[in-house]
Every structure is written in structure tokens, then in C-alpha cells.
Amino acid sequence: MRLLLDTHIWLWSLLEPSRLGRRTTLALEDPANQLWLSPISVWETLMLAERKRVVLMPNAVRWIRASLARLPLHEAAVNTEVALASRELAIVSDDPADRFLAATASVYELTLVTADTRLRRIPGVAVLQNT
């Protein structure tokens, strides 16, 4: 399975793995699965750090670089198709990060791993709910 990690799932997997459900943990640990991350999650993490909603040591940029060097993540680049899909998908949320992550999952045919209930029933987006 090709899994796109929602920002909070990526952060929880590194900082608070106890917040991940058993099914999610097993999926992330399964070597048969590919783990994907959007640059939107990197951007969103930087925003969270700037707002002091997450503390990353020694600083957010260095923490992110070190995390990306450690984990076997594929980058799901934001491109024109993702941008178009972000406005075409039927998403309840107006959060731009949610829109881009759902669109990325749709365009790249990835399964979005999330705990966000607003994202679990978007037509055209496969979701693995954090359980």
C-alpha cells in the first residue's frame, strides 16, 4: 500500500507514537508499504512550530531535515494537477493544507493516513483512519 501521511500522523509517529492506533502503527511499520509525505506537511509543521503549537529541537528546520534523512519517505510533490484537484474535490474543510493533502492522495493514488474525521469520506480519496 502507498500511504500519504497527514501532517499530524507524521508528527505523532516521531514525537508521540502512543497517539497512533494499532492499525495505523502496523501499517506504518509494514515494510511492504511505501510511506509518502507532501511538502505541504513540511510547511504546516513549520507553521505549527512558529505558533509554538509544537516544539522541535534544536529548531524546526533542523528537526525536519534530520527527520526526513532518517525516514524512508517518498515526496509527493505539489504540482498543477494537485492544485487543480484541491479545488475540485468535495472537501468539507476549507483548510488549505487539508485540501492539498486530499488532492495529493487523489492525484498520486495514495491512501491518506489521518485522524481527521473531515477527511475520511471524500469521494476519490482512499483513507486509512487512525485506529
Protein backbone atom coordinates (compact mmCIF):
# COMPACT_ATOMS: atom_id res chain seq x y z
CA MET A 1 0.00 0.00 0.00
CA ARG A 2 1.16 3.55 -0.74
CA LEU A 3 0.42 5.73 2.29
CA LEU A 4 0.37 9.53 2.38
CA LEU A 5 0.88 10.67 5.97
CA ASP A 6 -1.27 13.53 7.15
CA THR A 7 0.85 16.08 9.00
CA HIS A 8 -0.29 15.02 12.46
CA ILE A 9 0.29 11.33 11.67
CA TRP A 10 3.87 12.12 10.58
CA LEU A 11 4.49 14.16 13.73
CA TRP A 12 2.83 11.62 16.03
CA SER A 13 4.85 8.78 14.52
CA LEU A 14 8.03 10.61 15.51
CA LEU A 15 7.05 12.54 18.65
CA GLU A 16 4.03 10.78 20.18
CA PRO A 17 3.70 7.26 18.75
CA SER A 18 1.25 6.34 21.52
CA ARG A 19 -1.34 8.53 19.76
CA LEU A 20 -1.33 6.18 16.76
CA GLY A 21 -3.87 3.41 16.68
CA ARG A 22 -2.77 -0.19 16.38
CA ARG A 23 -3.89 -0.48 12.76
CA THR A 24 -2.04 2.71 11.85
CA THR A 25 1.12 1.63 13.65
CA LEU A 26 1.10 -1.73 11.87
CA ALA A 27 0.58 -0.04 8.51
CA LEU A 28 3.46 2.39 9.09
CA GLU A 29 5.78 -0.39 10.25
CA ASP A 30 4.93 -2.78 7.41
CA PRO A 31 7.95 -2.82 5.06
CA ALA A 32 5.64 -3.70 2.16
CA ASN A 33 4.02 -0.26 2.45
CA GLN A 34 5.52 2.88 0.92
CA LEU A 35 5.33 6.00 3.07
CA TRP A 36 4.78 9.32 1.33
CA LEU A 37 4.92 12.89 2.60
CA SER A 38 3.76 16.10 0.98
CA PRO A 39 5.82 19.30 1.17
CA ILE A 40 2.56 20.76 2.50
CA SER A 41 3.14 18.76 5.70
CA VAL A 42 6.61 20.25 5.99
CA TRP A 43 5.13 23.74 5.55
CA GLU A 44 2.35 23.00 8.02
CA THR A 45 4.89 21.72 10.58
CA LEU A 46 6.92 24.91 10.21
CA MET A 47 3.75 26.93 10.82
CA LEU A 48 2.94 24.87 13.92
CA ALA A 49 6.45 25.46 15.26
CA GLU A 50 6.24 29.21 14.59
CA ARG A 51 2.97 29.33 16.54
CA LYS A 52 4.54 27.30 19.39
CA ARG A 53 1.97 24.50 18.93
CA VAL A 54 4.82 22.01 18.55
CA VAL A 55 8.37 22.23 19.88
CA LEU A 56 11.06 20.78 17.63
CA MET A 57 14.67 20.71 18.79
CA PRO A 58 17.10 22.27 18.18
CA ASN A 59 14.82 24.16 15.77
CA ALA A 60 12.10 23.27 13.31
CA VAL A 61 14.19 23.36 10.13
CA ARG A 62 16.98 21.21 11.53
CA TRP A 63 14.49 18.78 13.10
CA ILE A 64 12.62 18.40 9.80
CA ARG A 65 15.82 17.87 7.81
CA ALA A 66 17.04 15.24 10.30
CA SER A 67 13.65 13.51 10.32
CA LEU A 68 13.50 13.35 6.54
CA ALA A 69 17.05 11.98 6.36
CA ARG A 70 16.12 9.21 8.86
CA LEU A 71 12.80 8.04 7.47
CA PRO A 72 12.21 6.24 4.17
CA LEU A 73 9.65 8.74 2.85
CA HIS A 74 8.78 9.44 -0.77
CA GLU A 75 7.99 13.05 -1.64
CA ALA A 76 4.56 13.65 -3.15
CA ALA A 77 5.29 16.89 -4.94
CA VAL A 78 2.72 19.64 -5.28
CA ASN A 79 2.12 20.14 -8.99
CA THR A 80 -0.51 21.62 -11.30
CA GLU A 81 -2.76 18.55 -11.09
CA VAL A 82 -2.67 18.65 -7.29
CA ALA A 83 -3.50 22.36 -7.32
CA LEU A 84 -6.47 21.79 -9.65
CA ALA A 85 -7.73 18.82 -7.66
CA SER A 86 -7.51 20.83 -4.43
CA ARG A 87 -10.41 22.94 -5.69
CA GLU A 88 -12.35 20.17 -7.45
CA LEU A 89 -12.63 17.61 -4.64
CA ALA A 90 -15.72 17.68 -2.42
CA ILE A 91 -13.98 18.51 0.86
CA VAL A 92 -15.87 19.79 3.92
CA SER A 93 -12.78 21.60 5.24
CA ASP A 94 -11.65 24.99 3.95
CA ASP A 95 -8.21 24.40 5.49
CA PRO A 96 -5.78 24.73 2.55
CA ALA A 97 -3.47 22.06 3.99
CA ASP A 98 -6.36 19.56 4.17
CA ARG A 99 -7.35 20.39 0.61
CA PHE A 100 -3.81 19.92 -0.71
CA LEU A 101 -3.25 16.67 1.19
CA ALA A 102 -6.53 15.17 -0.02
CA ALA A 103 -5.78 16.32 -3.57
CA THR A 104 -2.28 14.85 -3.36
CA ALA A 105 -3.70 11.50 -2.28
CA SER A 106 -6.18 11.58 -5.14
CA VAL A 107 -3.71 12.61 -7.87
CA TYR A 108 -0.95 10.21 -6.82
CA GLU A 109 -3.42 7.41 -5.96
CA LEU A 110 -2.20 7.23 -2.37
CA THR A 111 -4.10 6.25 0.76
CA LEU A 112 -4.30 9.21 3.15
CA VAL A 113 -3.49 8.20 6.72
CA THR A 114 -5.32 10.59 9.04
CA ALA A 115 -7.19 11.02 12.30
CA ASP A 116 -9.16 13.93 10.84
CA THR A 117 -12.79 12.86 10.57
CA ARG A 118 -13.48 15.60 7.98
CA LEU A 119 -11.17 13.83 5.54
CA ARG A 120 -12.41 10.29 5.80
CA ARG A 121 -15.28 10.40 3.30
CA ILE A 122 -14.05 12.40 0.32
CA PRO A 123 -15.09 10.85 -2.98
CA GLY A 124 -12.00 9.77 -4.90
CA VAL A 125 -9.69 9.69 -1.86
CA ALA A 126 -8.73 6.44 -0.14
CA VAL A 127 -8.33 6.91 3.62
CA LEU A 128 -6.80 4.84 6.40
CA GLN A 129 -8.41 6.22 9.56
CA ASN A 130 -6.12 6.29 12.59
CA THR A 131 -7.43 3.35 14.63
